[in-house]
Each structure stands twice: as C-alpha cells, then as structure tokens.
Amino acid sequence: MNAYLILFAAIVFEIMATSLVKLSNGFTNLLPTSVLLVFYGISFYLLSLSVKTIPLGIAYAIWSGVGIVVISFLGIFAFKQNLDFPAILGIALIMIGCVIINIFSKSSVH
C-alpha cells in the first residue's frame, strides 16, 4: 500500500481523536476518552507504518501540520472558537510548509 495513503489514514484517525479531547472533558467522560485513546493508538500505528518509506521528519511534519490545520478549522466551525490574526497567520505558514515539503523537497518520497 502507498505510504502516503497510510499517512493520510493516520492523519484522519489523529484528527478524530483530537476532536474528542474536548468532549472527553478532561478524561472524565468515559466513552469519548476510550474512543480517543483507540483512535490515537491506530493513528500512531499507521504513522509507524508510513515511516518505513517516508522519512520520519517529513511524515511527522505532514501528520502534525495537516492535523493542526484541520483541528483549527473544526475548532472554528464545530466549537465556535475564534482565531486572531497571529493564529491564522501561523496556521497559513504551517500549510505553506506542508506544500513546500511535498512539492519541492527531495527528502520526500514522491
């Protein structure tokens, strides 16, 4: 299977797990806490598979960067949280960094 598809699946599970952190209410709600732990476990397992082919730094940068961006948007739309200009700028720079890695880096597996 393509390492980038595995990495994409790892990102999806990481996003689902992270979105449950708020619902877990500090790990006091058993169901969201249990599900988020399972989802994080799956995410890290898939991430570990992807780094068999993709360099660790590249895979982790993409995994965390995409996760940050998507979770930020979920925070805005699902949890009605506001981001100020520095936060939006920082998120935009993360997105730009992920694009640069994937388009221009010779370290990335294409």
PDB file of N, CA and C in Angstrom:
ATOM      1  N   MET A   1       0.853  -1.185   0.000  1.00  0.00           N
ATOM      2  CA  MET A   1       0.000   0.000   0.000  1.00  0.00           C
ATOM      3  C   MET A   1       0.891   1.238   0.000  1.00  0.00           C
ATOM      4  N   ASN A   2       0.461   2.275  -0.641  1.00  0.00           N
ATOM      5  CA  ASN A   2       1.191   3.523  -0.728  1.00  0.00           C
ATOM      6  C   ASN A   2       1.383   4.135   0.663  1.00  0.00           C
ATOM      7  N   ALA A   3       2.603   4.519   0.972  1.00  0.00           N
ATOM      8  CA  ALA A   3       2.915   5.086   2.294  1.00  0.00           C
ATOM      9  C   ALA A   3       2.139   6.366   2.551  1.00  0.00           C
ATOM     10  N   TYR A   4       1.862   7.129   1.511  1.00  0.00           N
ATOM     11  CA  TYR A   4       1.111   8.369   1.701  1.00  0.00           C
ATOM     12  C   TYR A   4      -0.366   8.097   1.993  1.00  0.00           C
ATOM     13  N   LEU A   5      -0.910   7.008   1.476  1.00  0.00           N
ATOM     14  CA  LEU A   5      -2.284   6.639   1.842  1.00  0.00           C
ATOM     15  C   LEU A   5      -2.355   6.217   3.306  1.00  0.00           C
ATOM     16  N   ILE A   6      -1.329   5.505   3.744  1.00  0.00           N
ATOM     17  CA  ILE A   6      -1.260   5.111   5.152  1.00  0.00           C
ATOM     18  C   ILE A   6      -1.115   6.354   6.025  1.00  0.00           C
ATOM     19  N   LEU A   7      -0.270   7.283   5.605  1.00  0.00           N
ATOM     20  CA  LEU A   7      -0.105   8.527   6.352  1.00  0.00           C
ATOM     21  C   LEU A   7      -1.414   9.313   6.388  1.00  0.00           C
ATOM     22  N   PHE A   8      -2.124   9.356   5.287  1.00  0.00           N
ATOM     23  CA  PHE A   8      -3.420  10.038   5.248  1.00  0.00           C
ATOM     24  C   PHE A   8      -4.385   9.405   6.244  1.00  0.00           C
ATOM     25  N   ALA A   9      -4.426   8.090   6.301  1.00  0.00           N
ATOM     26  CA  ALA A   9      -5.296   7.408   7.266  1.00  0.00           C
ATOM     27  C   ALA A   9      -4.868   7.728   8.700  1.00  0.00           C
ATOM     28  N   ALA A  10      -3.556   7.798   8.934  1.00  0.00           N
ATOM     29  CA  ALA A  10      -3.060   8.166  10.266  1.00  0.00           C
ATOM     30  C   ALA A  10      -3.523   9.568  10.638  1.00  0.00           C
ATOM     31  N   ILE A  11      -3.512  10.466   9.689  1.00  0.00           N
ATOM     32  CA  ILE A  11      -3.964  11.838   9.930  1.00  0.00           C
ATOM     33  C   ILE A  11      -5.449  11.863  10.250  1.00  0.00           C
ATOM     34  N   VAL A  12      -6.242  11.094   9.515  1.00  0.00           N
ATOM     35  CA  VAL A  12      -7.691  11.054   9.761  1.00  0.00           C
ATOM     36  C   VAL A  12      -7.971  10.569  11.185  1.00  0.00           C
ATOM     37  N   PHE A  13      -7.300   9.511  11.606  1.00  0.00           N
ATOM     38  CA  PHE A  13      -7.518   8.997  12.967  1.00  0.00           C
ATOM     39  C   PHE A  13      -7.018   9.987  14.024  1.00  0.00           C
ATOM     40  N   GLU A  14      -5.919  10.681  13.741  1.00  0.00           N
ATOM     41  CA  GLU A  14      -5.414  11.689  14.677  1.00  0.00           C
ATOM     42  C   GLU A  14      -6.410  12.835  14.814  1.00  0.00           C
ATOM     43  N   ILE A  15      -6.993  13.262  13.714  1.00  0.00           N
ATOM     44  CA  ILE A  15      -7.984  14.345  13.748  1.00  0.00           C
ATOM     45  C   ILE A  15      -9.224  13.905  14.520  1.00  0.00           C
ATOM     46  N   MET A  16      -9.693  12.694  14.281  1.00  0.00           N
ATOM     47  CA  MET A  16     -10.864  12.203  15.012  1.00  0.00           C
ATOM     48  C   MET A  16     -10.567  12.116  16.505  1.00  0.00           C
ATOM     49  N   ALA A  17      -9.373  11.630  16.854  1.00  0.00           N
ATOM     50  CA  ALA A  17      -9.007  11.511  18.267  1.00  0.00           C
ATOM     51  C   ALA A  17      -8.913  12.889  18.917  1.00  0.00           C
ATOM     52  N   THR A  18      -8.237  13.806  18.260  1.00  0.00           N
ATOM     53  CA  THR A  18      -8.064  15.137  18.826  1.00  0.00           C
ATOM     54  C   THR A  18      -9.386  15.865  18.974  1.00  0.00           C
ATOM     55  N   SER A  19     -10.306  15.652  18.047  1.00  0.00           N
ATOM     56  CA  SER A  19     -11.614  16.304  18.159  1.00  0.00           C
ATOM     57  C   SER A  19     -12.399  15.787  19.365  1.00  0.00           C
ATOM     58  N   LEU A  20     -12.050  14.611  19.851  1.00  0.00           N
ATOM     59  CA  LEU A  20     -12.724  14.053  21.029  1.00  0.00           C
ATOM     60  C   LEU A  20     -12.121  14.518  22.353  1.00  0.00           C
ATOM     61  N   VAL A  21     -10.947  15.168  22.296  1.00  0.00           N
ATOM     62  CA  VAL A  21     -10.307  15.618  23.539  1.00  0.00           C
ATOM     63  C   VAL A  21     -11.223  16.572  24.294  1.00  0.00           C
ATOM     64  N   LYS A  22     -11.819  17.520  23.608  1.00  0.00           N
ATOM     65  CA  LYS A  22     -12.720  18.471  24.268  1.00  0.00           C
ATOM     66  C   LYS A  22     -13.944  17.755  24.828  1.00  0.00           C
ATOM     67  N   LEU A  23     -14.484  16.808  24.072  1.00  0.00           N
ATOM     68  CA  LEU A  23     -15.675  16.078  24.520  1.00  0.00           C
ATOM     69  C   LEU A  23     -15.385  15.150  25.696  1.00  0.00           C
ATOM     70  N   SER A  24     -14.115  14.782  25.873  1.00  0.00           N
ATOM     71  CA  SER A  24     -13.767  13.892  26.988  1.00  0.00           C
ATOM     72  C   SER A  24     -13.831  14.618  28.332  1.00  0.00           C
ATOM     73  N   ASN A  25     -13.876  15.955  28.282  1.00  0.00           N
ATOM     74  CA  ASN A  25     -13.992  16.778  29.496  1.00  0.00           C
ATOM     75  C   ASN A  25     -12.901  16.431  30.510  1.00  0.00           C
ATOM     76  N   GLY A  26     -11.659  16.538  30.053  1.00  0.00           N
ATOM     77  CA  GLY A  26     -10.537  16.233  30.932  1.00  0.00           C
ATOM     78  C   GLY A  26     -10.439  14.767  31.290  1.00  0.00           C
ATOM     79  N   PHE A  27     -10.816  13.919  30.371  1.00  0.00           N
ATOM     80  CA  PHE A  27     -10.823  12.458  30.540  1.00  0.00           C
ATOM     81  C   PHE A  27     -11.809  11.999  31.616  1.00  0.00           C
ATOM     82  N   THR A  28     -12.858  12.785  31.868  1.00  0.00           N
ATOM     83  CA  THR A  28     -13.867  12.374  32.853  1.00  0.00           C
ATOM     84  C   THR A  28     -15.062  11.692  32.202  1.00  0.00           C
ATOM     85  N   ASN A  29     -15.257  11.904  30.893  1.00  0.00           N
ATOM     86  CA  ASN A  29     -16.330  11.200  30.165  1.00  0.00           C
ATOM     87  C   ASN A  29     -15.727   9.942  29.545  1.00  0.00           C
ATOM     88  N   LEU A  30     -16.191   8.791  30.010  1.00  0.00           N
ATOM     89  CA  LEU A  30     -15.570   7.516  29.662  1.00  0.00           C
ATOM     90  C   LEU A  30     -15.617   7.198  28.168  1.00  0.00           C
ATOM     91  N   LEU A  31     -16.759   7.362  27.515  1.00  0.00           N
ATOM     92  CA  LEU A  31     -16.873   6.968  26.107  1.00  0.00           C
ATOM     93  C   LEU A  31     -15.952   7.776  25.200  1.00  0.00           C
ATOM     94  N   PRO A  32     -16.013   9.124  25.220  1.00  0.00           N
ATOM     95  CA  PRO A  32     -15.091   9.861  24.336  1.00  0.00           C
ATOM     96  C   PRO A  32     -13.619   9.595  24.670  1.00  0.00           C
ATOM     97  N   THR A  33     -13.318   9.424  25.961  1.00  0.00           N
ATOM     98  CA  THR A  33     -11.937   9.140  26.359  1.00  0.00           C
ATOM     99  C   THR A  33     -11.474   7.805  25.795  1.00  0.00           C
ATOM    100  N   SER A  34     -12.301   6.786  25.907  1.00  0.00           N
ATOM    101  CA  SER A  34     -11.951   5.456  25.400  1.00  0.00           C
ATOM    102  C   SER A  34     -11.757   5.473  23.894  1.00  0.00           C
ATOM    103  N   VAL A  35     -12.668   6.132  23.188  1.00  0.00           N
ATOM    104  CA  VAL A  35     -12.587   6.173  21.724  1.00  0.00           C
ATOM    105  C   VAL A  35     -11.357   6.956  21.284  1.00  0.00           C
ATOM    106  N   LEU A  36     -11.066   8.071  21.950  1.00  0.00           N
ATOM    107  CA  LEU A  36      -9.906   8.854  21.529  1.00  0.00           C
ATOM    108  C   LEU A  36      -8.615   8.094  21.767  1.00  0.00           C
ATOM    109  N   LEU A  37      -8.531   7.318  22.826  1.00  0.00           N
ATOM    110  CA  LEU A  37      -7.326   6.513  23.057  1.00  0.00           C
ATOM    111  C   LEU A  37      -7.148   5.444  21.980  1.00  0.00           C
ATOM    112  N   VAL A  38      -8.247   4.823  21.579  1.00  0.00           N
ATOM    113  CA  VAL A  38      -8.185   3.835  20.491  1.00  0.00           C
ATOM    114  C   VAL A  38      -7.774   4.511  19.185  1.00  0.00           C
ATOM    115  N   PHE A  39      -8.380   5.658  18.885  1.00  0.00           N
ATOM    116  CA  PHE A  39      -8.059   6.378  17.644  1.00  0.00           C
ATOM    117  C   PHE A  39      -6.599   6.845  17.628  1.00  0.00           C
ATOM    118  N   TYR A  40      -6.093   7.343  18.773  1.00  0.00           N
ATOM    119  CA  TYR A  40      -4.677   7.724  18.821  1.00  0.00           C
ATOM    120  C   TYR A  40      -3.785   6.507  18.611  1.00  0.00           C
ATOM    121  N   GLY A  41      -4.157   5.387  19.200  1.00  0.00           N
ATOM    122  CA  GLY A  41      -3.377   4.168  19.002  1.00  0.00           C
ATOM    123  C   GLY A  41      -3.314   3.765  17.540  1.00  0.00           C
ATOM    124  N   ILE A  42      -4.455   3.805  16.866  1.00  0.00           N
ATOM    125  CA  ILE A  42      -4.494   3.479  15.433  1.00  0.00           C
ATOM    126  C   ILE A  42      -3.661   4.480  14.641  1.00  0.00           C
ATOM    127  N   SER A  43      -3.799   5.757  14.992  1.00  0.00           N
ATOM    128  CA  SER A  43      -3.060   6.797  14.280  1.00  0.00           C
ATOM    129  C   SER A  43      -1.555   6.595  14.401  1.00  0.00           C
ATOM    130  N   PHE A  44      -1.079   6.340  15.614  1.00  0.00           N
ATOM    131  CA  PHE A  44       0.358   6.149  15.789  1.00  0.00           C
ATOM    132  C   PHE A  44       0.840   4.863  15.118  1.00  0.00           C
ATOM    133  N   TYR A  45       0.023   3.834  15.134  1.00  0.00           N
ATOM    134  CA  TYR A  45       0.398   2.597  14.440  1.00  0.00           C
ATOM    135  C   TYR A  45       0.549   2.863  12.936  1.00  0.00           C
ATOM    136  N   LEU A  46      -0.435   3.549  12.351  1.00  0.00           N
ATOM    137  CA  LEU A  46      -0.368   3.858  10.918  1.00  0.00           C
ATOM    138  C   LEU A  46       0.809   4.781  10.609  1.00  0.00           C
ATOM    139  N   LEU A  47       1.055   5.758  11.494  1.00  0.00           N
ATOM    140  CA  LEU A  47       2.212   6.632  11.310  1.00  0.00           C
ATOM    141  C   LEU A  47       3.501   5.811  11.308  1.00  0.00           C
ATOM    142  N   SER A  48       3.579   4.835  12.206  1.00  0.00           N
ATOM    143  CA  SER A  48       4.785   3.994  12.264  1.00  0.00           C
ATOM    144  C   SER A  48       4.960   3.180  10.986  1.00  0.00           C
ATOM    145  N   LEU A  49       3.861   2.778  10.372  1.00  0.00           N
ATOM    146  CA  LEU A  49       3.961   2.064   9.091  1.00  0.00           C
ATOM    147  C   LEU A  49       4.424   2.989   7.975  1.00  0.00           C
ATOM    148  N   SER A  50       3.927   4.218   7.988  1.00  0.00           N
ATOM    149  CA  SER A  50       4.277   5.148   6.907  1.00  0.00           C
ATOM    150  C   SER A  50       5.757   5.522   6.941  1.00  0.00           C
ATOM    151  N   VAL A  51       6.358   5.548   8.142  1.00  0.00           N
ATOM    152  CA  VAL A  51       7.770   5.957   8.208  1.00  0.00           C
ATOM    153  C   VAL A  51       8.728   4.845   7.800  1.00  0.00           C
ATOM    154  N   LYS A  52       8.192   3.700   7.419  1.00  0.00           N
ATOM    155  CA  LYS A  52       9.046   2.679   6.812  1.00  0.00           C
ATOM    156  C   LYS A  52       9.525   3.151   5.441  1.00  0.00           C
ATOM    157  N   THR A  53       8.733   4.018   4.809  1.00  0.00           N
ATOM    158  CA  THR A  53       9.060   4.523   3.477  1.00  0.00           C
ATOM    159  C   THR A  53       9.340   6.020   3.476  1.00  0.00           C
ATOM    160  N   ILE A  54       8.521   6.781   4.180  1.00  0.00           N
ATOM    161  CA  ILE A  54       8.660   8.241   4.219  1.00  0.00           C
ATOM    162  C   ILE A  54       9.630   8.593   5.353  1.00  0.00           C
ATOM    163  N   PRO A  55      10.577   9.495   5.116  1.00  0.00           N
ATOM    164  CA  PRO A  55      11.466   9.900   6.210  1.00  0.00           C
ATOM    165  C   PRO A  55      10.659  10.412   7.410  1.00  0.00           C
ATOM    166  N   LEU A  56      11.100  10.081   8.613  1.00  0.00           N
ATOM    167  CA  LEU A  56      10.375  10.398   9.837  1.00  0.00           C
ATOM    168  C   LEU A  56      10.034  11.884   9.946  1.00  0.00           C
ATOM    169  N   GLY A  57      11.006  12.747   9.721  1.00  0.00           N
ATOM    170  CA  GLY A  57      10.764  14.187   9.845  1.00  0.00           C
ATOM    171  C   GLY A  57       9.705  14.686   8.875  1.00  0.00           C
ATOM    172  N   ILE A  58       9.731  14.153   7.659  1.00  0.00           N
ATOM    173  CA  ILE A  58       8.751  14.549   6.647  1.00  0.00           C
ATOM    174  C   ILE A  58       7.371  14.036   7.038  1.00  0.00           C
ATOM    175  N   ALA A  59       7.285  12.765   7.405  1.00  0.00           N
ATOM    176  CA  ALA A  59       5.990  12.181   7.774  1.00  0.00           C
ATOM    177  C   ALA A  59       5.391  12.899   8.971  1.00  0.00           C
ATOM    178  N   TYR A  60       6.222  13.176   9.971  1.00  0.00           N
ATOM    179  CA  TYR A  60       5.711  13.826  11.180  1.00  0.00           C
ATOM    180  C   TYR A  60       5.298  15.258  10.894  1.00  0.00           C
ATOM    181  N   ALA A  61       6.053  15.958  10.054  1.00  0.00           N
ATOM    182  CA  ALA A  61       5.690  17.331   9.696  1.00  0.00           C
ATOM    183  C   ALA A  61       4.334  17.364   8.997  1.00  0.00           C
ATOM    184  N   ILE A  62       4.110  16.434   8.084  1.00  0.00           N
ATOM    185  CA  ILE A  62       2.829  16.377   7.369  1.00  0.00           C
ATOM    186  C   ILE A  62       1.722  15.965   8.326  1.00  0.00           C
ATOM    187  N   TRP A  63       1.960  14.926   9.120  1.00  0.00           N
ATOM    188  CA  TRP A  63       0.960  14.406  10.074  1.00  0.00           C
ATOM    189  C   TRP A  63       0.519  15.494  11.039  1.00  0.00           C
ATOM    190  N   SER A  64       1.482  16.147  11.654  1.00  0.00           N
ATOM    191  CA  SER A  64       1.130  17.162  12.648  1.00  0.00           C
ATOM    192  C   SER A  64       0.610  18.431  11.986  1.00  0.00           C
ATOM    193  N   GLY A  65       1.206  18.837  10.879  1.00  0.00           N
ATOM    194  CA  GLY A  65       0.784  20.070  10.204  1.00  0.00           C
ATOM    195  C   GLY A  65      -0.641  19.995   9.695  1.00  0.00           C
ATOM    196  N   VAL A  66      -0.964  18.930   9.000  1.00  0.00           N
ATOM    197  CA  VAL A  66      -2.333  18.774   8.497  1.00  0.00           C
ATOM    198  C   VAL A  66      -3.308  18.655   9.661  1.00  0.00           C
ATOM    199  N   GLY A  67      -2.916  17.927  10.694  1.00  0.00           N
ATOM    200  CA  GLY A  67      -3.768  17.804  11.877  1.00  0.00           C
ATOM    201  C   GLY A  67      -4.053  19.149  12.516  1.00  0.00           C
ATOM    202  N   ILE A  68      -3.018  19.983  12.671  1.00  0.00           N
ATOM    203  CA  ILE A  68      -3.191  21.315  13.258  1.00  0.00           C
ATOM    204  C   ILE A  68      -4.163  22.147  12.444  1.00  0.00           C
ATOM    205  N   VAL A  69      -3.996  22.144  11.142  1.00  0.00           N
ATOM    206  CA  VAL A  69      -4.850  22.960  10.282  1.00  0.00           C
ATOM    207  C   VAL A  69      -6.305  22.493  10.352  1.00  0.00           C
ATOM    208  N   VAL A  70      -6.535  21.201  10.225  1.00  0.00           N
ATOM    209  CA  VAL A  70      -7.912  20.692  10.231  1.00  0.00           C
ATOM    210  C   VAL A  70      -8.557  20.889  11.595  1.00  0.00           C
ATOM    211  N   ILE A  71      -7.827  20.616  12.673  1.00  0.00           N
ATOM    212  CA  ILE A  71      -8.380  20.805  14.014  1.00  0.00           C
ATOM    213  C   ILE A  71      -8.686  22.284  14.262  1.00  0.00           C
ATOM    214  N   SER A  72      -7.869  23.175  13.735  1.00  0.00           N
ATOM    215  CA  SER A  72      -8.149  24.607  13.881  1.00  0.00           C
ATOM    216  C   SER A  72      -9.473  24.977  13.214  1.00  0.00           C
ATOM    217  N   PHE A  73      -9.700  24.443  12.017  1.00  0.00           N
ATOM    218  CA  PHE A  73     -10.968  24.708  11.338  1.00  0.00           C
ATOM    219  C   PHE A  73     -12.138  24.063  12.076  1.00  0.00           C
ATOM    220  N   LEU A  74     -11.941  22.854  12.599  1.00  0.00           N
ATOM    221  CA  LEU A  74     -13.001  22.229  13.399  1.00  0.00           C
ATOM    222  C   LEU A  74     -13.318  23.059  14.637  1.00  0.00           C
ATOM    223  N   GLY A  75     -12.286  23.619  15.249  1.00  0.00           N
ATOM    224  CA  GLY A  75     -12.497  24.480  16.401  1.00  0.00           C
ATOM    225  C   GLY A  75     -13.351  25.687  16.055  1.00  0.00           C
ATOM    226  N   ILE A  76     -13.104  26.255  14.892  1.00  0.00           N
ATOM    227  CA  ILE A  76     -13.877  27.420  14.452  1.00  0.00           C
ATOM    228  C   ILE A  76     -15.329  27.032  14.185  1.00  0.00           C
ATOM    229  N   PHE A  77     -15.534  25.981  13.415  1.00  0.00           N
ATOM    230  CA  PHE A  77     -16.884  25.653  12.951  1.00  0.00           C
ATOM    231  C   PHE A  77     -17.675  24.773  13.919  1.00  0.00           C
ATOM    232  N   ALA A  78     -17.044  23.808  14.552  1.00  0.00           N
ATOM    233  CA  ALA A  78     -17.785  22.893  15.422  1.00  0.00           C
ATOM    234  C   ALA A  78     -17.891  23.401  16.856  1.00  0.00           C
ATOM    235  N   PHE A  79     -16.836  24.072  17.331  1.00  0.00           N
ATOM    236  CA  PHE A  79     -16.819  24.506  18.728  1.00  0.00           C
ATOM    237  C   PHE A  79     -16.957  26.017  18.884  1.00  0.00           C
ATOM    238  N   LYS A  80     -17.173  26.723  17.753  1.00  0.00           N
ATOM    239  CA  LYS A  80     -17.393  28.174  17.757  1.00  0.00           C
ATOM    240  C   LYS A  80     -16.252  28.932  18.434  1.00  0.00           C
ATOM    241  N   GLN A  81     -15.028  28.496  18.179  1.00  0.00           N
ATOM    242  CA  GLN A  81     -13.862  29.175  18.740  1.00  0.00           C
ATOM    243  C   GLN A  81     -13.339  30.185  17.729  1.00  0.00           C
ATOM    244  N   ASN A  82     -12.786  31.277  18.228  1.00  0.00           N
ATOM    245  CA  ASN A  82     -12.270  32.334  17.354  1.00  0.00           C
ATOM    246  C   ASN A  82     -10.750  32.284  17.311  1.00  0.00           C
ATOM    247  N   LEU A  83     -10.199  32.572  16.145  1.00  0.00           N
ATOM    248  CA  LEU A  83      -8.755  32.677  15.988  1.00  0.00           C
ATOM    249  C   LEU A  83      -8.417  34.114  15.634  1.00  0.00           C
ATOM    250  N   ASP A  84      -7.380  34.655  16.276  1.00  0.00           N
ATOM    251  CA  ASP A  84      -6.950  36.002  15.940  1.00  0.00           C
ATOM    252  C   ASP A  84      -5.986  35.951  14.755  1.00  0.00           C
ATOM    253  N   PHE A  85      -5.559  37.134  14.297  1.00  0.00           N
ATOM    254  CA  PHE A  85      -4.720  37.200  13.112  1.00  0.00           C
ATOM    255  C   PHE A  85      -3.411  36.425  13.265  1.00  0.00           C
ATOM    256  N   PRO A  86      -2.689  36.553  14.402  1.00  0.00           N
ATOM    257  CA  PRO A  86      -1.446  35.764  14.521  1.00  0.00           C
ATOM    258  C   PRO A  86      -1.690  34.252  14.427  1.00  0.00           C
ATOM    259  N   ALA A  87      -2.797  33.770  14.980  1.00  0.00           N
ATOM    260  CA  ALA A  87      -3.106  32.337  14.891  1.00  0.00           C
ATOM    261  C   ALA A  87      -3.374  31.938  13.445  1.00  0.00           C
ATOM    262  N   ILE A  88      -4.138  32.745  12.740  1.00  0.00           N
ATOM    263  CA  ILE A  88      -4.441  32.454  11.330  1.00  0.00           C
ATOM    264  C   ILE A  88      -3.165  32.495  10.500  1.00  0.00           C
ATOM    265  N   LEU A  89      -2.309  33.476  10.755  1.00  0.00           N
ATOM    266  CA  LEU A  89      -1.037  33.579  10.035  1.00  0.00           C
ATOM    267  C   LEU A  89      -0.167  32.348  10.297  1.00  0.00           C
ATOM    268  N   GLY A  90      -0.085  31.942  11.554  1.00  0.00           N
ATOM    269  CA  GLY A  90       0.700  30.761  11.894  1.00  0.00           C
ATOM    270  C   GLY A  90       0.188  29.514  11.203  1.00  0.00           C
ATOM    271  N   ILE A  91      -1.128  29.342  11.171  1.00  0.00           N
ATOM    272  CA  ILE A  91      -1.736  28.189  10.500  1.00  0.00           C
ATOM    273  C   ILE A  91      -1.447  28.236   9.001  1.00  0.00           C
ATOM    274  N   ALA A  92      -1.522  29.436   8.417  1.00  0.00           N
ATOM    275  CA  ALA A  92      -1.215  29.582   6.989  1.00  0.00           C
ATOM    276  C   ALA A  92       0.242  29.199   6.716  1.00  0.00           C
ATOM    277  N   LEU A  93       1.145  29.576   7.597  1.00  0.00           N
ATOM    278  CA  LEU A  93       2.558  29.218   7.413  1.00  0.00           C
ATOM    279  C   LEU A  93       2.766  27.712   7.524  1.00  0.00           C
ATOM    280  N   ILE A  94       2.034  27.056   8.412  1.00  0.00           N
ATOM    281  CA  ILE A  94       2.109  25.596   8.519  1.00  0.00           C
ATOM    282  C   ILE A  94       1.650  24.958   7.208  1.00  0.00           C
ATOM    283  N   MET A  95       0.541  25.463   6.665  1.00  0.00           N
ATOM    284  CA  MET A  95       0.038  24.933   5.390  1.00  0.00           C
ATOM    285  C   MET A  95       1.065  25.133   4.279  1.00  0.00           C
ATOM    286  N   ILE A  96       1.656  26.315   4.228  1.00  0.00           N
ATOM    287  CA  ILE A  96       2.671  26.600   3.210  1.00  0.00           C
ATOM    288  C   ILE A  96       3.861  25.653   3.374  1.00  0.00           C
ATOM    289  N   GLY A  97       4.267  25.404   4.621  1.00  0.00           N
ATOM    290  CA  GLY A  97       5.369  24.482   4.875  1.00  0.00           C
ATOM    291  C   GLY A  97       5.082  23.080   4.375  1.00  0.00           C
ATOM    292  N   CYS A  98       3.863  22.594   4.609  1.00  0.00           N
ATOM    293  CA  CYS A  98       3.493  21.252   4.124  1.00  0.00           C
ATOM    294  C   CYS A  98       3.513  21.188   2.601  1.00  0.00           C
ATOM    295  N   VAL A  99       3.052  22.248   1.952  1.00  0.00           N
ATOM    296  CA  VAL A  99       3.068  22.283   0.487  1.00  0.00           C
ATOM    297  C   VAL A  99       4.505  22.292  -0.027  1.00  0.00           C
ATOM    298  N   ILE A 100       5.353  23.113   0.584  1.00  0.00           N
ATOM    299  CA  ILE A 100       6.758  23.179   0.156  1.00  0.00           C
ATOM    300  C   ILE A 100       7.429  21.815   0.292  1.00  0.00           C
ATOM    301  N   ILE A 101       7.203  21.151   1.417  1.00  0.00           N
ATOM    302  CA  ILE A 101       7.798  19.814   1.618  1.00  0.00           C
ATOM    303  C   ILE A 101       7.362  18.871   0.509  1.00  0.00           C
ATOM    304  N   ASN A 102       6.065  18.851   0.217  1.00  0.00           N
ATOM    305  CA  ASN A 102       5.553  17.884  -0.741  1.00  0.00           C
ATOM    306  C   ASN A 102       5.889  18.208  -2.188  1.00  0.00           C
ATOM    307  N   ILE A 103       6.061  19.459  -2.510  1.00  0.00           N
ATOM    308  CA  ILE A 103       6.340  19.820  -3.906  1.00  0.00           C
ATOM    309  C   ILE A 103       7.833  19.909  -4.195  1.00  0.00           C
ATOM    310  N   PHE A 104       8.585  20.486  -3.272  1.00  0.00           N
ATOM    311  CA  PHE A 104       9.964  20.823  -3.582  1.00  0.00           C
ATOM    312  C   PHE A 104      11.039  19.952  -2.901  1.00  0.00           C
ATOM    313  N   SER A 105      10.706  19.298  -1.811  1.00  0.00           N
ATOM    314  CA  SER A 105      11.728  18.567  -1.063  1.00  0.00           C
ATOM    315  C   SER A 105      12.144  17.292  -1.788  1.00  0.00           C
ATOM    316  N   LYS A 106      13.436  17.096  -1.877  1.00  0.00           N
ATOM    317  CA  LYS A 106      13.958  15.852  -2.428  1.00  0.00           C
ATOM    318  C   LYS A 106      13.988  14.762  -1.359  1.00  0.00           C
ATOM    319  N   SER A 107      13.784  15.158  -0.078  1.00  0.00           N
ATOM    320  CA  SER A 107      13.729  14.191   1.013  1.00  0.00           C
ATOM    321  C   SER A 107      12.407  13.439   1.022  1.00  0.00           C
ATOM    322  N   SER A 108      11.377  14.071   0.480  1.00  0.00           N
ATOM    323  CA  SER A 108      10.049  13.468   0.458  1.00  0.00           C
ATOM    324  C   SER A 108       9.979  12.418  -0.633  1.00  0.00           C
ATOM    325  N   VAL A 109       9.296  11.315  -0.329  1.00  0.00           N
ATOM    326  CA  VAL A 109       9.138  10.236  -1.296  1.00  0.00           C
ATOM    327  C   VAL A 109       7.948  10.566  -2.189  1.00  0.00           C
ATOM    328  N   HIS A 110       8.182  10.671  -3.494  1.00  0.00           N
ATOM    329  CA  HIS A 110       7.085  11.015  -4.413  1.00  0.00           C
ATOM    330  C   HIS A 110       6.717   9.840  -5.270  1.00  0.00           C
TER     331      HIS A 110
END
